[in-house]
Amino acid sequence: MTVTAHIDTTRPVATLINVFTVSPDRQAELIDLLAGATEETMKHQPGFICANFHASQDGERVINYAQWESEEHYRAMLANPEARVHMDKAATIASDVQPRIYHVASTHRRSSAG
């Protein structure tokens, strides 16, 4: 079964949006690192739901949109030395890293009738 982000204002999950600033020539390298870290480590952490990586068309940003069952699960992952290795390596590729935890405040979809 494929697990994808489920964006819903009634679902009490911790949403991580992490914005990485990167040199365009290293964007693919950063995405490969993040995807590998997710497969090897992050998805095996308690409370992990999903992670999605978005590459800006100008090559200068990578966005990680991830969901955790709770902020406590996310914080526990941050304290895990195995996970830290990957995050520290990502920080050597990116020139700036800005992780923030969010809650979904509003969602909107195109109606299926139109």
Protein backbone atom coordinates (compact mmCIF):
# COMPACT_ATOMS: atom_id res chain seq x y z
CA MET A 1 0.00 0.00 0.00
CA THR A 2 1.30 3.44 -0.91
CA VAL A 3 1.11 6.02 1.88
CA THR A 4 0.69 9.60 0.75
CA ALA A 5 0.17 12.88 2.54
CA HIS A 6 -3.42 13.30 3.58
CA ILE A 7 -4.09 16.98 4.06
CA ASP A 8 -7.08 17.45 6.33
CA THR A 9 -7.85 20.11 8.96
CA THR A 10 -9.46 17.48 11.24
CA ARG A 11 -6.46 15.15 11.26
CA PRO A 12 -4.15 15.89 14.21
CA VAL A 13 -0.76 15.30 12.60
CA ALA A 14 2.44 17.29 12.81
CA THR A 15 3.36 18.61 9.37
CA LEU A 16 7.02 19.36 8.75
CA ILE A 17 7.79 21.80 5.97
CA ASN A 18 11.54 22.08 5.59
CA VAL A 19 12.90 24.56 3.05
CA PHE A 20 16.43 23.90 1.86
CA THR A 21 18.31 26.53 -0.13
CA VAL A 22 20.80 24.87 -2.43
CA SER A 23 23.05 25.61 -5.37
CA PRO A 24 21.29 24.47 -8.56
CA ASP A 25 24.17 22.12 -9.38
CA ARG A 26 23.58 20.29 -6.06
CA GLN A 27 19.77 20.15 -6.01
CA ALA A 28 19.58 16.58 -7.37
CA GLU A 29 22.29 15.46 -4.94
CA LEU A 30 20.29 16.83 -2.00
CA ILE A 31 17.07 15.16 -3.17
CA ASP A 32 18.89 11.84 -3.59
CA LEU A 33 20.32 12.18 -0.08
CA LEU A 34 16.93 13.03 1.46
CA ALA A 35 15.13 10.26 -0.40
CA GLY A 36 17.79 7.73 0.61
CA ALA A 37 17.69 8.88 4.23
CA THR A 38 13.92 8.49 4.22
CA GLU A 39 14.08 4.95 2.85
CA GLU A 40 16.96 3.87 5.12
CA THR A 41 16.07 5.60 8.38
CA MET A 42 13.20 8.07 8.61
CA LYS A 43 10.36 5.82 7.52
CA HIS A 44 11.34 3.32 10.20
CA GLN A 45 11.05 5.88 13.00
CA PRO A 46 8.01 5.67 15.29
CA GLY A 47 5.28 8.08 14.20
CA PHE A 48 6.54 8.59 10.64
CA ILE A 49 3.67 8.88 8.14
CA CYS A 50 5.16 10.15 4.87
CA ALA A 51 7.71 12.44 3.24
CA ASN A 52 7.54 14.24 -0.09
CA PHE A 53 10.33 16.17 -1.76
CA HIS A 54 9.73 19.05 -4.15
CA ALA A 55 12.40 20.57 -6.40
CA SER A 56 11.99 24.20 -7.45
CA GLN A 57 12.24 24.73 -11.17
CA ASP A 58 15.03 27.28 -10.71
CA GLY A 59 17.09 24.62 -8.89
CA GLU A 60 17.59 26.77 -5.78
CA ARG A 61 15.15 25.16 -3.33
CA VAL A 62 14.12 21.74 -2.12
CA ILE A 63 10.99 21.47 -0.02
CA ASN A 64 10.43 18.51 2.29
CA TYR A 65 6.73 18.14 3.14
CA ALA A 66 6.46 15.38 5.74
CA GLN A 67 3.87 14.19 8.20
CA TRP A 68 4.41 12.70 11.65
CA GLU A 69 1.76 11.32 14.00
CA SER A 70 2.67 14.00 16.54
CA GLU A 71 5.24 16.69 17.23
CA GLU A 72 6.63 14.41 19.95
CA HIS A 73 7.37 11.74 17.33
CA TYR A 74 9.11 14.33 15.17
CA ARG A 75 11.19 15.57 18.14
CA ALA A 76 12.15 11.98 19.05
CA MET A 77 13.42 11.48 15.50
CA LEU A 78 15.53 14.64 15.84
CA ALA A 79 17.17 13.16 18.94
CA ASN A 80 18.01 9.88 17.18
CA PRO A 81 21.74 9.77 16.28
CA GLU A 82 21.05 7.62 13.19
CA ALA A 83 18.67 10.27 11.83
CA ARG A 84 21.00 13.13 12.78
CA VAL A 85 23.74 11.75 10.51
CA HIS A 86 21.49 12.26 7.48
CA MET A 87 20.27 15.69 8.58
CA ASP A 88 23.82 16.87 9.25
CA LYS A 89 24.92 15.71 5.80
CA ALA A 90 21.98 17.55 4.17
CA ALA A 91 23.07 20.69 6.00
CA THR A 92 26.50 20.45 4.32
CA ILE A 93 24.87 20.42 0.86
CA ALA A 94 22.31 23.16 1.50
CA SER A 95 23.36 26.74 2.25
CA ASP A 96 20.27 27.25 4.45
CA VAL A 97 17.82 24.87 6.14
CA GLN A 98 14.54 26.10 7.63
CA PRO A 99 12.44 23.35 9.23
CA ARG A 100 9.10 24.31 10.79
CA ILE A 101 6.21 22.30 12.22
CA TYR A 102 2.75 23.32 11.00
CA HIS A 103 -0.86 22.31 11.45
CA VAL A 104 -3.28 22.34 8.54
CA ALA A 105 -5.44 25.45 8.89
CA SER A 106 -7.49 25.24 5.70
CA THR A 107 -7.86 22.99 2.64
CA HIS A 108 -9.55 23.63 -0.71
CA ARG A 109 -10.20 21.33 -3.65
CA ARG A 110 -11.70 21.74 -7.06
CA SER A 111 -15.15 20.20 -7.11
CA SER A 112 -15.40 16.97 -9.08
CA ALA A 113 -18.48 18.28 -10.90
CA GLY A 114 -16.62 21.16 -12.54
